[in-house]
Amino acid sequence: MLSKVPSQLATWTALALPLCCVVAATLALYGGETGVTEHFVLWRAAHPTAVKLLRIYTDWVNPAFYLVFAGMLFVGVKRRRPDLTGRALAYVAAQFVVSLAIERVLKIGIGRPRPDVPGGFVPFSLDAAHNAMPSGHTTEMTVQTSCLALFARSLALPILMGLLLGFMGFSRVALGAHHPTDLIGGLLLGSLGGLLCRRLAPVFAARVVPFLDRMHTAKE
């Protein structure tokens, strides 16, 4: 018997749950965001090797996903697969709209200080120290993981993507770059990117068919 393709709600739940657990656990264990900040200041001083490993993860996982989508585009074009080509192009569009445009506007407009920055909100600030909300890494990775998960035929891929996303969120809090609630902002914003990709993918797939046909005809 064929397994049922999971609903978009089930897929998003599998994707978002680990990150939500990270946020809930850190807030509950350390008594709010001030407590979280104070705890991880001491934790970083006591665990320099772990900090180095987290920095590698937080710096390189987002770029690693670029290779995934570049490979998807390459395979789509080479094998005349408009579905894969459309998904890759839709991802690029979603990432541009959400991570490079909306996210930047929100960061600047909200002006939330990062955990190690004293003082309150400074709206419309271009200073990176006051660009905490939403988390950019979390936003970008939510777009990336949801653009893969929402096309999955089972929950296995969304669960894996969710674990990677949750660990990214943990790394941002543990490294002192973000408050836990910044992660929720990134999750919600990035999820919009995933939905945008899901909607644009069939549109792009239909439009690239003539291009793929011409390209392969020219090679024959």
Protein backbone atom coordinates (compact mmCIF):
# COMPACT_ATOMS: atom_id res chain seq x y z
CA MET A 1 0.00 0.00 0.00
CA LEU A 2 1.36 3.41 -0.95
CA SER A 3 2.13 5.77 1.91
CA LYS A 4 0.13 8.95 2.06
CA VAL A 5 1.94 12.17 1.21
CA PRO A 6 1.98 14.32 4.38
CA SER A 7 -0.08 17.49 4.49
CA GLN A 8 1.65 20.85 4.43
CA LEU A 9 0.60 21.37 8.05
CA ALA A 10 2.18 18.06 9.12
CA THR A 11 5.32 18.92 7.16
CA TRP A 12 5.59 22.38 8.71
CA THR A 13 5.00 20.95 12.19
CA ALA A 14 7.81 18.44 11.75
CA LEU A 15 10.05 21.21 10.47
CA ALA A 16 9.24 23.77 13.15
CA LEU A 17 8.91 21.60 16.26
CA PRO A 18 12.63 21.21 17.11
CA LEU A 19 13.24 24.96 16.90
CA CYS A 20 10.16 25.69 19.00
CA CYS A 21 11.42 23.18 21.57
CA VAL A 22 14.78 24.97 21.70
CA VAL A 23 13.04 28.28 22.37
CA ALA A 24 10.68 26.84 24.97
CA ALA A 25 13.39 24.87 26.75
CA THR A 26 15.87 27.74 27.02
CA LEU A 27 13.24 30.14 28.31
CA ALA A 28 11.89 27.61 30.81
CA LEU A 29 15.25 26.40 32.07
CA TYR A 30 16.89 29.79 32.53
CA GLY A 31 13.94 31.95 33.57
CA GLY A 32 13.44 34.22 30.60
CA GLU A 33 15.67 35.89 28.05
CA THR A 34 17.87 37.71 30.58
CA GLY A 35 18.57 34.40 32.27
CA VAL A 36 19.35 32.78 28.92
CA THR A 37 21.85 35.52 28.11
CA GLU A 38 23.56 35.24 31.50
CA HIS A 39 23.74 31.45 31.33
CA PHE A 40 25.36 31.33 27.91
CA VAL A 41 27.91 34.02 28.77
CA LEU A 42 29.23 31.65 31.45
CA TRP A 43 28.79 28.61 29.20
CA ARG A 44 30.89 30.12 26.40
CA ALA A 45 33.70 30.96 28.83
CA ALA A 46 33.70 27.40 30.15
CA HIS A 47 33.43 25.59 26.79
CA PRO A 48 35.72 27.21 24.19
CA THR A 49 35.96 24.07 22.04
CA ALA A 50 32.19 23.73 21.82
CA VAL A 51 31.98 27.41 20.89
CA LYS A 52 34.40 26.82 18.00
CA LEU A 53 32.33 23.90 16.73
CA LEU A 54 29.11 25.90 16.96
CA ARG A 55 30.71 28.74 15.01
CA ILE A 56 31.65 26.33 12.23
CA TYR A 57 28.06 25.09 12.10
CA THR A 58 26.46 28.52 12.21
CA ASP A 59 28.84 29.91 9.57
CA TRP A 60 28.79 27.08 7.05
CA VAL A 61 25.46 25.27 7.08
CA ASN A 62 23.55 28.04 5.30
CA PRO A 63 26.12 28.18 2.46
CA ALA A 64 26.04 24.37 2.23
CA PHE A 65 22.39 24.58 1.27
CA TYR A 66 23.32 26.86 -1.63
CA LEU A 67 25.16 23.87 -3.08
CA VAL A 68 22.05 21.70 -2.68
CA PHE A 69 19.93 24.09 -4.71
CA ALA A 70 22.70 24.70 -7.24
CA GLY A 71 22.88 20.93 -7.72
CA MET A 72 19.11 20.78 -8.09
CA LEU A 73 19.25 23.43 -10.81
CA PHE A 74 22.10 21.65 -12.60
CA VAL A 75 20.34 18.29 -12.57
CA GLY A 76 17.06 19.89 -13.62
CA VAL A 77 18.60 21.56 -16.64
CA LYS A 78 20.85 18.65 -17.62
CA ARG A 79 18.12 16.02 -17.39
CA ARG A 80 15.33 18.21 -18.74
CA ARG A 81 13.47 18.17 -15.43
CA PRO A 82 11.28 21.29 -15.27
CA ASP A 83 10.05 20.29 -11.80
CA LEU A 84 13.56 20.44 -10.31
CA THR A 85 14.50 23.52 -12.31
CA GLY A 86 11.32 25.27 -11.18
CA ARG A 87 11.94 24.43 -7.53
CA ALA A 88 15.49 25.75 -7.66
CA LEU A 89 14.41 29.00 -9.31
CA ALA A 90 11.50 29.37 -6.89
CA TYR A 91 13.95 28.97 -3.99
CA VAL A 92 16.13 31.76 -5.38
CA ALA A 93 13.09 34.03 -5.70
CA ALA A 94 11.85 33.21 -2.19
CA GLN A 95 15.28 33.73 -0.67
CA PHE A 96 15.65 37.07 -2.41
CA VAL A 97 12.22 38.34 -1.35
CA VAL A 98 12.31 37.08 2.22
CA SER A 99 15.95 36.93 3.34
CA LEU A 100 17.39 39.80 1.34
CA ALA A 101 14.44 42.19 1.40
CA ILE A 102 11.77 41.69 4.05
CA GLU A 103 14.15 40.39 6.71
CA ARG A 104 16.52 43.32 6.27
CA VAL A 105 13.67 45.84 6.48
CA LEU A 106 12.38 44.22 9.68
CA LYS A 107 15.81 44.06 11.30
CA ILE A 108 16.43 47.74 10.67
CA GLY A 109 12.90 48.85 11.47
CA ILE A 110 12.57 46.92 14.75
CA GLY A 111 16.05 47.79 16.01
CA ARG A 112 16.23 45.16 18.75
CA PRO A 113 19.58 45.01 20.57
CA ARG A 114 21.51 41.76 20.59
CA PRO A 115 21.92 39.95 23.92
CA ASP A 116 25.28 41.52 24.76
CA VAL A 117 24.22 45.06 23.81
CA PRO A 118 22.91 47.27 26.66
CA GLY A 119 19.91 49.54 26.29
CA GLY A 120 16.57 49.24 24.59
CA PHE A 121 15.24 49.10 21.07
CA VAL A 122 16.64 51.56 18.51
CA PRO A 123 14.15 51.53 15.62
CA PHE A 124 15.47 52.23 12.09
CA SER A 125 19.03 51.45 13.15
CA LEU A 126 21.65 50.42 10.58
CA ASP A 127 23.91 49.21 13.38
CA ALA A 128 24.20 45.40 13.34
CA ALA A 129 24.23 45.47 17.14
CA HIS A 130 20.56 46.54 16.99
CA ASN A 131 19.47 44.17 14.23
CA ALA A 132 18.62 41.11 16.32
CA MET A 133 14.97 40.56 15.38
CA PRO A 134 14.37 38.42 13.37
CA SER A 135 17.35 36.06 13.36
CA GLY A 136 18.82 36.19 9.87
CA HIS A 137 20.44 32.76 10.02
CA THR A 138 17.17 31.24 11.21
CA THR A 139 15.15 33.04 8.55
CA GLU A 140 17.47 31.96 5.76
CA MET A 141 17.67 28.36 6.93
CA THR A 142 13.90 28.15 7.38
CA VAL A 143 13.51 29.23 3.76
CA GLN A 144 16.08 26.64 2.69
CA THR A 145 14.73 23.73 4.71
CA SER A 146 11.07 24.46 4.00
CA CYS A 147 11.79 24.75 0.26
CA LEU A 148 12.96 21.14 0.47
CA ALA A 149 10.56 19.80 3.09
CA LEU A 150 7.35 21.06 1.48
CA PHE A 151 8.00 18.90 -1.59
CA ALA A 152 8.79 15.75 0.42
CA ARG A 153 6.84 12.53 -0.13
CA SER A 154 7.16 11.48 3.52
CA LEU A 155 7.93 13.08 6.89
CA ALA A 156 11.49 11.75 6.97
CA LEU A 157 12.99 14.73 5.16
CA PRO A 158 11.01 17.38 7.11
CA ILE A 159 12.10 15.76 10.39
CA LEU A 160 15.74 15.81 9.32
CA MET A 161 15.46 19.40 8.11
CA GLY A 162 13.76 20.33 11.39
CA LEU A 163 16.61 18.90 13.45
CA LEU A 164 19.16 20.86 11.42
CA LEU A 165 17.08 24.02 11.78
CA GLY A 166 16.63 23.51 15.51
CA PHE A 167 20.37 23.13 16.00
CA MET A 168 20.97 26.30 14.00
CA GLY A 169 18.63 28.14 16.33
CA PHE A 170 20.39 26.71 19.37
CA SER A 171 23.77 27.79 17.98
CA ARG A 172 22.58 31.38 17.52
CA VAL A 173 21.38 31.58 21.13
CA ALA A 174 24.38 29.75 22.59
CA LEU A 175 26.81 32.03 20.73
CA GLY A 176 25.07 35.12 22.10
CA ALA A 177 23.97 36.39 18.69
CA HIS A 178 20.23 36.23 19.37
CA HIS A 179 17.50 36.08 21.98
CA PRO A 180 15.28 32.96 21.85
CA THR A 181 12.30 34.95 20.56
CA ASP A 182 14.41 36.21 17.64
CA LEU A 183 14.35 32.60 16.45
CA ILE A 184 10.56 32.55 16.38
CA GLY A 185 10.58 35.68 14.25
CA GLY A 186 12.99 33.99 11.85
CA LEU A 187 10.91 30.81 11.77
CA LEU A 188 7.69 32.63 10.93
CA LEU A 189 9.30 34.85 8.30
CA GLY A 190 11.25 32.00 6.75
CA SER A 191 8.10 29.89 6.60
CA LEU A 192 6.57 32.52 4.35
CA GLY A 193 9.52 31.98 2.05
CA GLY A 194 8.83 28.26 1.96
CA LEU A 195 5.19 28.83 1.08
CA LEU A 196 6.21 31.31 -1.60
CA CYS A 197 8.57 28.71 -3.07
CA ARG A 198 5.83 26.08 -2.99
CA ARG A 199 3.51 28.40 -4.90
CA LEU A 200 6.08 29.67 -7.42
CA ALA A 201 7.68 26.32 -8.25
CA PRO A 202 4.96 25.05 -10.64
CA VAL A 203 4.79 28.49 -12.29
CA PHE A 204 8.53 28.50 -12.98
CA ALA A 205 8.42 24.83 -14.00
CA ALA A 206 5.86 25.58 -16.70
CA ARG A 207 7.81 28.56 -17.96
CA VAL A 208 11.17 26.78 -18.26
CA VAL A 209 9.81 23.94 -20.42
CA PRO A 210 10.34 25.80 -23.74
CA PHE A 211 13.85 26.81 -22.65
CA LEU A 212 14.77 23.24 -21.69
CA ASP A 213 13.32 21.91 -24.95
CA ARG A 214 15.29 24.42 -27.06
CA MET A 215 18.46 23.73 -25.16
CA HIS A 216 18.26 19.97 -25.57
CA THR A 217 17.18 20.26 -29.22
CA ALA A 218 20.25 22.36 -29.93
CA LYS A 219 22.45 19.63 -28.47
CA GLU A 220 20.94 16.87 -30.60
